[in-house]
């Protein structure tokens, strides 16, 4: 039966709700903490005086309460004798829940760019259902409940806004017979006082992972300290074992609760960052990186670009350093075929490619993208300039397809338009090398008689040392410098 539960006497006139420890639908037991009140600069936990199922919460964080105020509506449990078969058998109730687009913080409609579930899928709470694109950013919409996808009302490219129907979710509630329910009541929330919770936050401990030793399953300060000591000992053993194994198993970085030291703000990573991060990490861990640094005299090359400005404009393009670099690298991939290869999965062979596709990094508002120009060795400088410009525009307009970013043999990352004297780019497997370009600057170069002002371009060639040795890398940057110094040598 249902019973209205009121605030008991807690020894103060009034208290403000600062934390709810239960929610509607939770099953609670006697003495389980329901909420935390702040009163007279102290925090007080209000316990449950009866066991049962919460049907309706009458309060919310920020409310002021005093003795006798309505707290919650509870479906109480009467413990009665029942046959064993009745006590063990649950009654399953099937419900259907309409999942709607939540408030997405945008006054305009958002486009569906990805469907992450299909009819019949089992989804968990907070599992992503769809990806929306709005205000030049993307966001994933999570499921508010666990269940089975009964039907989907939207499709790719649909435009939706807050409140629109996404899909129907079939959920199930298991209702026990009274005796069974009384026997299976469990603590749905961790019992712990404010001081214990504060200590756990400072130490980065999840309270549900701590074994309680206090009365009625309460977590004590001593329990948190014992847990931290055990985890520290375990981490020490793991580090010792990793060292013995050559450091193959890398321990994870502990979560830092930075809010203990001052005000913080959490900003979600863009979808591109979330996708690209693990890939970069995988490449950095698996590839033995070495970077060869060099410089190229591009004084004459710059003059050549200026001289060909009219011809480029007539062709409808702008001739920059990028197509020159891409063309020169394509020439070297044929001249030095190890740079146009991949390591076989066996680790005992090198796969050399007969095609020359080159990727180039584009910095967009959402993160880094690497479109690919195909068959670079077969295209003119003006054609390469046109394709590079078109792909850059597609990248910044979020119109690149998956095929636009696949199949590169080699990558060029140009930071020359920003600043820097050199950097260490990460090789993008299965490629074996990547060229980084920094800002060209005028330097005095000795010509044997006097110092001459030359426009020098910093080169940073990162390579997979399993395939490329240091001598080959130095030869590559030297030859690239020669080609860029006199672009006409590409015709030889």
Protein backbone atom coordinates (compact mmCIF):
# COMPACT_ATOMS: atom_id res chain seq x y z
CA UNK A 1 0.00 0.00 0.00
CA UNK A 2 1.02 3.63 -0.47
CA UNK A 3 1.97 5.84 2.46
CA UNK A 4 2.92 9.52 2.65
CA UNK A 5 6.26 9.92 4.46
CA UNK A 6 6.99 13.21 6.20
CA UNK A 7 10.16 14.86 7.45
CA UNK A 8 11.03 13.48 10.90
CA UNK A 9 12.36 15.52 13.81
CA UNK A 10 15.96 16.39 13.05
CA UNK A 11 16.62 18.74 15.95
CA UNK A 12 16.53 21.99 13.97
CA UNK A 13 13.88 24.40 12.83
CA UNK A 14 14.61 24.30 9.11
CA UNK A 15 17.10 22.78 6.68
CA UNK A 16 17.85 23.23 2.98
CA UNK A 17 18.05 20.18 0.68
CA UNK A 18 21.59 20.10 -0.77
CA UNK A 19 21.62 16.54 -2.13
CA UNK A 20 19.01 13.89 -3.02
CA UNK A 21 20.36 10.39 -2.47
CA UNK A 22 17.39 8.55 -4.01
CA UNK A 23 15.06 8.96 -6.96
CA UNK A 24 11.56 7.91 -7.94
CA UNK A 25 11.44 4.17 -8.61
CA UNK A 26 14.20 3.36 -6.11
CA UNK A 27 13.66 0.64 -3.53
CA UNK A 28 14.85 1.70 -0.08
CA UNK A 29 15.24 0.02 3.29
CA UNK A 30 14.94 1.23 6.85
CA UNK A 31 17.72 3.65 7.92
CA UNK A 32 18.84 4.24 4.33
CA UNK A 33 19.74 7.91 3.80
CA UNK A 34 17.20 9.73 1.64
CA UNK A 35 18.64 13.24 1.42
CA UNK A 36 21.13 15.63 2.98
CA UNK A 37 19.95 18.83 4.67
CA UNK A 38 22.09 21.86 5.42
CA UNK A 39 21.07 23.43 8.73
CA UNK A 40 22.92 25.86 11.01
CA UNK A 41 26.05 25.39 8.86
CA UNK A 42 26.01 21.61 9.44
CA UNK A 43 24.91 18.79 7.16
CA UNK A 44 22.35 16.21 8.33
CA UNK A 45 21.32 13.00 6.55
CA UNK A 46 17.62 12.18 6.81
CA UNK A 47 17.09 8.39 6.99
CA UNK A 48 14.15 6.28 5.83
CA UNK A 49 11.96 5.10 8.69
CA UNK A 50 10.23 2.52 6.51
CA UNK A 51 11.16 0.22 3.62
CA UNK A 52 9.49 0.26 0.23
CA UNK A 53 9.35 1.60 -3.33
CA UNK A 54 9.48 5.37 -3.90
CA UNK A 55 6.48 6.32 -6.03
CA UNK A 56 6.71 10.10 -5.81
CA UNK A 57 9.35 12.49 -4.45
CA UNK A 58 7.84 15.64 -2.96
CA UNK A 59 11.10 17.63 -2.66
CA UNK A 60 13.97 18.81 -4.80
CA UNK A 61 17.47 20.30 -4.19
CA UNK A 62 17.20 23.82 -2.80
CA UNK A 63 13.89 23.26 -0.98
CA UNK A 64 13.64 24.34 2.69
CA UNK A 65 12.14 21.67 4.95
CA UNK A 66 11.06 21.36 8.54
CA UNK A 67 9.55 18.61 10.68
CA UNK A 68 6.25 17.38 9.28
CA UNK A 69 6.74 18.55 5.68
CA UNK A 70 5.82 16.06 2.92
CA UNK A 71 8.89 14.11 1.85
CA UNK A 72 7.83 11.27 -0.46
CA UNK A 73 5.12 8.78 -1.29
CA UNK A 74 6.22 5.24 -0.49
CA UNK A 75 4.75 1.92 -1.56
CA UNK A 76 5.44 0.05 1.66
CA UNK A 77 6.11 -3.66 1.97
CA UNK A 78 4.27 -5.93 4.41
CA UNK A 79 6.34 -9.02 5.13
CA UNK A 80 4.01 -12.03 5.09
CA UNK A 81 4.59 -15.73 4.74
CA UNK A 82 4.31 -16.91 1.16
CA UNK A 83 5.07 -20.13 -0.69
CA UNK A 84 8.65 -20.35 -1.93
CA UNK A 85 7.55 -20.38 -5.54
CA UNK A 86 5.56 -17.17 -5.04
CA UNK A 87 8.41 -15.47 -3.23
CA UNK A 88 10.91 -16.13 -5.99
CA UNK A 89 8.86 -15.49 -9.10
CA UNK A 90 8.79 -11.87 -10.34
CA UNK A 91 5.91 -10.36 -12.25
CA UNK A 92 7.22 -8.57 -15.35
CA UNK A 93 5.46 -5.41 -16.49
CA UNK A 94 6.28 -4.10 -19.97
CA UNK A 95 6.23 -0.35 -20.51
CA UNK A 96 6.76 1.78 -23.60
CA UNK A 97 8.62 5.09 -23.36
CA UNK A 98 8.73 7.76 -26.07
CA UNK A 99 12.25 9.19 -26.42
CA UNK A 100 12.23 12.85 -27.43
CA UNK A 101 14.92 15.29 -28.48
CA UNK A 102 16.04 17.07 -25.28
CA UNK A 103 16.91 20.75 -25.02
CA UNK A 104 19.96 21.02 -27.28
CA UNK A 105 20.70 24.64 -26.53
CA UNK A 106 19.98 25.85 -30.05
CA UNK A 107 17.06 27.90 -31.35
CA UNK A 108 17.42 26.35 -34.80
CA UNK A 109 16.77 22.83 -35.97
CA UNK A 110 19.57 20.26 -35.89
CA UNK A 111 20.33 17.71 -38.60
CA UNK A 112 20.67 13.99 -37.83
CA UNK A 113 24.10 12.96 -39.17
CA UNK A 114 24.31 9.53 -37.57
CA UNK A 115 21.89 6.84 -36.33
CA UNK A 116 23.66 4.82 -33.64
CA UNK A 117 20.94 2.20 -32.98
CA UNK A 118 18.51 0.09 -34.99
CA UNK A 119 15.15 -1.51 -34.23
CA UNK A 120 15.60 -4.42 -31.84
CA UNK A 121 18.81 -3.12 -30.26
CA UNK A 122 19.19 -3.31 -26.49
CA UNK A 123 20.33 0.06 -25.12
CA UNK A 124 21.58 1.06 -21.69
CA UNK A 125 21.06 4.31 -19.78
CA UNK A 126 23.21 7.10 -21.29
CA UNK A 127 24.01 5.06 -24.43
CA UNK A 128 24.08 7.34 -27.48
CA UNK A 129 21.10 7.01 -29.84
CA UNK A 130 21.73 9.60 -32.57
CA UNK A 131 24.26 12.27 -33.47
CA UNK A 132 22.99 15.76 -34.26
CA UNK A 133 24.77 18.59 -36.06
CA UNK A 134 23.80 22.11 -35.04
CA UNK A 135 25.54 25.49 -34.83
CA UNK A 136 28.53 23.98 -36.67
CA UNK A 137 29.02 21.44 -33.87
CA UNK A 138 27.88 17.86 -33.33
CA UNK A 139 26.40 16.23 -30.23
CA UNK A 140 25.19 12.77 -29.29
CA UNK A 141 21.73 12.29 -27.76
CA UNK A 142 21.79 9.65 -24.96
CA UNK A 143 19.06 7.25 -23.89
CA UNK A 144 17.37 8.20 -20.60
CA UNK A 145 16.49 4.57 -19.85
CA UNK A 146 17.44 0.93 -20.43
CA UNK A 147 15.35 -1.10 -22.84
CA UNK A 148 14.81 -2.43 -26.35
CA UNK A 149 14.33 -0.17 -29.37
CA UNK A 150 10.76 -0.86 -30.48
CA UNK A 151 10.61 1.58 -33.42
CA UNK A 152 12.54 4.53 -34.82
CA UNK A 153 10.71 7.60 -36.10
CA UNK A 154 13.63 9.47 -37.68
CA UNK A 155 16.18 8.90 -40.43
CA UNK A 156 19.49 10.32 -41.56
CA UNK A 157 19.46 14.00 -42.66
CA UNK A 158 16.12 14.65 -40.86
CA UNK A 159 16.02 18.01 -39.12
CA UNK A 160 14.72 17.94 -35.55
CA UNK A 161 14.37 20.29 -32.60
CA UNK A 162 13.73 19.98 -28.86
CA UNK A 163 10.65 17.85 -28.13
CA UNK A 164 10.58 15.97 -31.45
CA UNK A 165 9.90 12.20 -31.27
CA UNK A 166 13.02 10.07 -31.91
CA UNK A 167 12.08 6.48 -31.07
CA UNK A 168 9.94 4.23 -28.87
CA UNK A 169 11.72 2.24 -26.17
CA UNK A 170 10.31 -0.93 -24.60
CA UNK A 171 11.24 -1.16 -20.92
CA UNK A 172 10.45 -3.74 -18.26
CA UNK A 173 9.86 -3.47 -14.52
CA UNK A 174 10.09 -6.59 -12.36
CA UNK A 175 7.63 -6.44 -9.44
CA UNK A 176 8.18 -9.09 -6.77
CA UNK A 177 5.59 -10.73 -4.61
CA UNK A 178 5.54 -9.05 -1.17
CA UNK A 179 7.65 -11.64 0.66
CA UNK A 180 10.17 -11.78 -2.15
CA UNK A 181 10.32 -7.98 -2.36
CA UNK A 182 10.98 -7.71 1.35
CA UNK A 183 13.71 -10.32 1.09
CA UNK A 184 15.41 -8.70 -1.90
CA UNK A 185 15.40 -5.02 -0.83
CA UNK A 186 18.90 -3.62 -1.44
CA UNK A 187 20.81 -0.37 -0.91
CA UNK A 188 20.49 1.54 -4.20
CA UNK A 189 22.61 4.44 -2.99
CA UNK A 190 25.80 4.50 -0.95
CA UNK A 191 25.35 5.33 2.74
CA UNK A 192 27.98 7.87 3.72
CA UNK A 193 28.08 11.11 5.68
CA UNK A 194 29.10 14.47 4.16
CA UNK A 195 32.60 14.30 5.69
CA UNK A 196 33.17 10.86 4.17
CA UNK A 197 31.89 12.01 0.78
CA UNK A 198 34.22 15.03 0.89
CA UNK A 199 37.20 12.79 1.73
CA UNK A 200 36.30 10.45 -1.15
CA UNK A 201 36.08 13.37 -3.60
CA UNK A 202 39.48 14.70 -2.49
CA UNK A 203 41.09 11.27 -2.91
CA UNK A 204 39.34 10.51 -6.22
CA UNK A 205 37.49 7.49 -4.80
CA UNK A 206 34.15 6.19 -6.12
CA UNK A 207 32.21 5.35 -2.94
CA UNK A 208 30.31 2.46 -4.51
CA UNK A 209 33.68 0.68 -4.88
CA UNK A 210 34.37 0.86 -1.12
CA UNK A 211 33.33 -1.99 1.20
CA UNK A 212 31.32 -0.49 4.10
CA UNK A 213 31.90 -1.57 7.71
CA UNK A 214 29.62 0.91 9.49
CA UNK A 215 26.13 0.19 10.87
CA UNK A 216 23.44 -0.47 8.26
CA UNK A 217 26.03 -0.60 5.50
CA UNK A 218 27.42 2.91 6.01
CA UNK A 219 30.82 3.81 4.56
CA UNK A 220 33.20 5.21 7.17
CA UNK A 221 36.35 7.32 6.75
CA UNK A 222 38.39 4.29 7.74
CA UNK A 223 36.81 2.30 4.88
CA UNK A 224 37.88 4.93 2.34
CA UNK A 225 41.41 4.98 3.75
CA UNK A 226 41.67 1.17 3.64
CA UNK A 227 40.45 1.20 0.02
CA UNK A 228 43.01 3.84 -1.03
CA UNK A 229 45.81 1.89 0.67
CA UNK A 230 44.79 -1.31 -1.12
CA UNK A 231 44.61 0.44 -4.50
CA UNK A 232 48.03 2.05 -3.92
CA UNK A 233 49.59 -1.31 -3.13
CA UNK A 234 47.97 -2.84 -6.20
CA UNK A 235 49.23 -0.02 -8.45
CA UNK A 236 52.75 -0.43 -7.04
CA UNK A 237 52.69 -4.13 -7.83
CA UNK A 238 51.44 -3.43 -11.37
CA UNK A 239 54.19 -0.90 -12.00
CA UNK A 240 56.82 -3.36 -10.79
CA UNK A 241 55.36 -6.08 -13.02
CA UNK A 242 55.29 -3.70 -16.00
CA UNK A 243 58.92 -2.79 -15.45
CA UNK A 244 59.85 -6.47 -15.38
CA UNK A 245 57.98 -7.00 -18.67
CA UNK A 246 59.66 -4.08 -20.40
CA UNK A 247 56.81 -1.66 -19.69
CA UNK A 248 54.37 -3.28 -22.12
CA UNK A 249 51.33 -2.86 -19.86
CA UNK A 250 51.04 0.87 -19.20
CA UNK A 251 49.17 1.82 -16.00
CA UNK A 252 46.30 4.23 -16.46
CA UNK A 253 46.53 7.83 -15.30
CA UNK A 254 44.59 8.38 -12.06
CA UNK A 255 41.58 10.68 -12.28
CA UNK A 256 42.41 14.07 -10.78
CA UNK A 257 39.60 15.83 -8.92
CA UNK A 258 40.81 19.30 -9.77
CA UNK A 259 37.80 21.05 -8.23
CA UNK A 260 39.40 20.41 -4.83
CA UNK A 261 41.92 23.16 -5.63
CA UNK A 262 39.63 25.81 -7.12
CA UNK A 263 36.82 26.52 -9.56
CA UNK A 264 36.76 24.42 -12.73
CA UNK A 265 34.63 24.08 -15.86
CA UNK A 266 34.28 20.90 -17.92
CA UNK A 267 33.98 21.32 -21.69
CA UNK A 268 33.15 18.27 -23.85
CA UNK A 269 35.66 17.36 -26.55
CA UNK A 270 34.46 17.66 -30.13
CA UNK A 271 33.51 14.45 -31.91
CA UNK A 272 36.62 14.79 -34.10
CA UNK A 273 38.82 15.02 -31.01
CA UNK A 274 37.12 11.99 -29.47
CA UNK A 275 37.66 9.95 -32.64
CA UNK A 276 41.17 11.20 -33.41
CA UNK A 277 42.59 10.98 -29.89
CA UNK A 278 42.61 7.16 -29.57
CA UNK A 279 44.03 6.85 -33.11
CA UNK A 280 46.92 9.22 -32.32
CA UNK A 281 47.55 7.40 -29.04
CA UNK A 282 47.59 4.02 -30.78
CA UNK A 283 50.04 5.26 -33.43
CA UNK A 284 52.34 6.85 -30.84
CA UNK A 285 52.45 3.66 -28.74
CA UNK A 286 52.91 1.22 -31.61
CA UNK A 287 55.34 3.08 -33.88
CA UNK A 288 58.97 3.75 -32.84
CA UNK A 289 59.10 7.40 -33.90
CA UNK A 290 62.24 9.26 -34.95
CA UNK A 291 62.22 12.79 -36.42
CA UNK A 292 64.77 14.15 -38.89
CA UNK A 293 65.08 17.96 -38.95
CA UNK A 294 66.40 19.93 -41.92
CA UNK A 295 65.94 23.17 -43.87
CA UNK A 296 65.23 24.00 -47.50
CA UNK A 297 66.12 27.18 -49.36
CA UNK A 298 62.84 28.22 -51.01
CA UNK A 299 63.90 31.72 -52.09
CA UNK A 300 63.62 30.91 -55.79
CA UNK A 301 60.50 28.77 -55.23
CA UNK A 302 58.73 31.73 -53.66
CA UNK A 303 59.75 33.90 -56.60
CA UNK A 304 58.43 31.23 -58.99
CA UNK A 305 55.02 31.28 -57.25
CA UNK A 306 54.86 35.06 -57.60
CA UNK A 307 55.90 34.88 -61.26
CA UNK A 308 53.16 32.33 -62.02
CA UNK A 309 50.43 34.25 -60.22
CA UNK A 310 48.75 35.44 -63.42
CA UNK A 311 48.79 31.96 -64.99
CA UNK A 312 47.33 30.49 -61.81
CA UNK A 313 44.57 33.12 -61.67
CA UNK A 314 43.70 32.39 -65.30
CA UNK A 315 43.29 28.73 -64.30
CA UNK A 316 41.07 29.80 -61.42
CA UNK A 317 43.47 28.76 -58.64
CA UNK A 318 45.95 30.26 -56.20
CA UNK A 319 49.45 28.76 -56.44
CA UNK A 320 50.86 28.35 -52.90
CA UNK A 321 53.69 26.37 -51.33
CA UNK A 322 51.42 23.38 -50.52
CA UNK A 323 51.01 21.96 -54.06
CA UNK A 324 54.78 22.38 -54.57
CA UNK A 325 55.47 20.36 -51.42
CA UNK A 326 52.97 17.68 -52.35
CA UNK A 327 54.40 17.36 -55.85
CA UNK A 328 57.99 17.18 -54.56
CA UNK A 329 57.04 14.52 -51.97
CA UNK A 330 55.29 12.46 -54.65
CA UNK A 331 58.49 12.56 -56.72
CA UNK A 332 60.50 11.28 -53.74
CA UNK A 333 58.01 8.50 -52.94
CA UNK A 334 58.82 7.04 -56.35
CA UNK A 335 62.53 7.73 -56.05
CA UNK A 336 62.73 6.28 -52.50
CA UNK A 337 60.03 3.57 -52.46
CA UNK A 338 60.51 2.57 -48.80
CA UNK A 339 58.75 5.83 -47.92
CA UNK A 340 55.77 4.69 -50.03
CA UNK A 341 55.30 1.44 -48.13
CA UNK A 342 53.61 -0.16 -45.13
CA UNK A 343 54.80 -2.76 -42.66
CA UNK A 344 53.08 -6.12 -43.17
CA UNK A 345 51.00 -7.42 -40.26
CA UNK A 346 53.51 -10.23 -39.79
CA UNK A 347 56.21 -7.67 -39.14
CA UNK A 348 58.47 -9.61 -41.51
CA UNK A 349 57.77 -7.89 -44.84
CA UNK A 350 57.30 -4.45 -46.37
CA UNK A 351 54.39 -3.75 -48.71
CA UNK A 352 55.40 -1.24 -51.40
CA UNK A 353 52.63 0.70 -53.15
CA UNK A 354 52.51 1.39 -56.86
CA UNK A 355 50.20 4.38 -56.42
CA UNK A 356 50.99 7.80 -54.94
CA UNK A 357 48.20 9.29 -52.79
CA UNK A 358 49.16 12.10 -50.39
CA UNK A 359 47.18 13.46 -47.45
CA UNK A 360 47.48 16.99 -46.10
CA UNK A 361 46.34 18.24 -42.71
CA UNK A 362 43.57 20.86 -42.55
CA UNK A 363 42.87 22.73 -39.32
CA UNK A 364 39.10 23.16 -38.90
CA UNK A 365 36.94 24.66 -36.16
CA UNK A 366 36.15 21.16 -34.85
CA UNK A 367 39.66 19.69 -35.10
CA UNK A 368 42.20 18.31 -37.53
CA UNK A 369 41.13 16.58 -40.77
CA UNK A 370 43.37 14.95 -43.39
CA UNK A 371 41.87 14.83 -46.90
CA UNK A 372 43.75 12.87 -49.56
CA UNK A 373 44.77 13.85 -53.11
CA UNK A 374 45.04 10.77 -55.31
CA UNK A 375 47.56 9.99 -58.05
CA UNK A 376 49.62 13.07 -57.23
CA UNK A 377 52.45 11.94 -59.51
CA UNK A 378 50.12 12.19 -62.53
CA UNK A 379 48.82 15.73 -61.90
CA UNK A 380 50.15 19.21 -62.66
CA UNK A 381 50.86 21.86 -60.04
CA UNK A 382 47.76 23.82 -61.05
CA UNK A 383 45.60 20.69 -60.85
CA UNK A 384 47.00 19.91 -57.38
CA UNK A 385 46.35 23.50 -56.27
CA UNK A 386 42.72 23.23 -57.42
CA UNK A 387 42.14 19.90 -55.67
CA UNK A 388 43.83 21.04 -52.44
CA UNK A 389 41.66 24.16 -52.36
CA UNK A 390 38.45 22.20 -53.01
CA UNK A 391 39.24 19.61 -50.33
CA UNK A 392 40.14 22.31 -47.81
CA UNK A 393 36.78 24.00 -48.40
CA UNK A 394 34.94 20.68 -48.00
CA UNK A 395 36.80 20.02 -44.75
CA UNK A 396 35.89 23.37 -43.24
CA UNK A 397 32.27 23.07 -44.43
CA UNK A 398 32.00 19.56 -42.88
CA UNK A 399 31.35 17.97 -46.27
CA UNK A 400 34.30 15.55 -46.47
CA UNK A 401 33.29 11.93 -47.03
CA UNK A 402 35.07 8.92 -45.58
CA UNK A 403 36.54 8.18 -49.02
CA UNK A 404 38.02 11.68 -49.12
CA UNK A 405 40.22 10.77 -46.15
CA UNK A 406 41.29 7.20 -46.99
CA UNK A 407 44.23 5.60 -48.76
CA UNK A 408 47.07 8.08 -48.15
CA UNK A 409 50.62 6.83 -48.68
CA UNK A 410 52.24 9.84 -47.00
CA UNK A 411 51.04 12.97 -45.17
CA UNK A 412 52.10 16.63 -45.17
CA UNK A 413 51.29 18.76 -42.11
CA UNK A 414 51.90 22.45 -42.78
CA UNK A 415 52.03 24.81 -39.77
CA UNK A 416 53.97 27.47 -41.67
CA UNK A 417 51.02 29.85 -41.73
CA UNK A 418 51.06 29.95 -37.91
CA UNK A 419 54.55 29.83 -36.39
CA UNK A 420 57.26 27.56 -35.03
CA UNK A 421 60.74 26.38 -35.94
CA UNK A 422 60.02 22.63 -35.93
CA UNK A 423 57.81 19.94 -34.38
CA UNK A 424 57.41 16.17 -34.18
CA UNK A 425 54.34 15.04 -36.17
CA UNK A 426 52.89 11.59 -35.38
CA UNK A 427 53.04 8.99 -38.15
CA UNK A 428 49.57 7.92 -39.28
CA UNK A 429 49.70 4.13 -39.62
CA UNK A 430 49.79 2.26 -41.97
CA UNK A 431 51.90 5.08 -43.45
CA UNK A 432 55.56 5.00 -42.45
CA UNK A 433 56.41 8.73 -42.61
CA UNK A 434 54.92 12.21 -42.29
CA UNK A 435 56.41 15.60 -43.20
CA UNK A 436 55.96 18.61 -40.92
CA UNK A 437 56.46 22.13 -42.28
CA UNK A 438 57.07 25.17 -40.05
CA UNK A 439 57.24 28.90 -40.75
CA UNK A 440 59.82 29.99 -43.36
CA UNK A 441 62.07 32.83 -42.25
CA UNK A 442 64.85 34.92 -43.84
CA UNK A 443 68.27 33.74 -42.66
CA UNK A 444 71.85 34.74 -43.57
CA UNK A 445 73.36 31.83 -45.52
CA UNK A 446 77.08 31.68 -46.38
CA UNK A 447 77.65 31.18 -50.12
CA UNK A 448 81.44 30.79 -49.85
CA UNK A 449 82.12 34.48 -50.26
CA UNK A 450 79.52 36.35 -48.23
CA UNK A 451 76.30 35.89 -46.26
CA UNK A 452 73.22 36.08 -48.46
CA UNK A 453 69.60 36.55 -47.22
CA UNK A 454 67.69 33.34 -48.01
CA UNK A 455 64.13 32.24 -47.26
CA UNK A 456 64.66 29.01 -45.30
CA UNK A 457 61.86 26.48 -44.73
CA UNK A 458 62.11 24.18 -41.63
CA UNK A 459 61.41 20.50 -42.40
CA UNK A 460 60.44 17.88 -39.77
CA UNK A 461 60.26 14.31 -41.11
CA UNK A 462 58.90 11.77 -38.60
CA UNK A 463 59.27 8.13 -39.62
CA UNK A 464 58.69 4.55 -38.48
CA UNK A 465 62.16 3.33 -37.50
CA UNK A 466 61.13 -0.29 -38.17
CA UNK A 467 60.96 0.50 -41.89
CA UNK A 468 63.05 3.65 -42.37
CA UNK A 469 66.59 4.06 -41.01
CA UNK A 470 68.23 7.35 -40.11
CA UNK A 471 70.41 7.51 -43.22
CA UNK A 472 67.37 7.09 -45.51
CA UNK A 473 65.50 9.83 -43.63
CA UNK A 474 68.45 12.23 -43.94
CA UNK A 475 68.67 11.39 -47.66
CA UNK A 476 64.93 12.13 -48.06
CA UNK A 477 65.12 15.61 -46.46
CA UNK A 478 68.31 16.44 -48.39
CA UNK A 479 66.67 15.48 -51.70
CA UNK A 480 63.50 17.35 -50.77
CA UNK A 481 65.60 20.42 -50.04
CA UNK A 482 67.24 20.10 -53.46
CA UNK A 483 63.91 19.76 -55.25
CA UNK A 484 62.40 22.75 -53.47
CA UNK A 485 65.50 24.82 -54.12
CA UNK A 486 65.00 24.33 -57.87
CA UNK A 487 61.51 23.04 -58.73
CA UNK A 488 62.63 22.54 -62.33
CA UNK A 489 64.55 19.42 -61.31
CA UNK A 490 61.19 17.66 -61.01
CA UNK A 491 61.19 17.56 -64.81
CA UNK A 492 64.42 15.55 -64.99
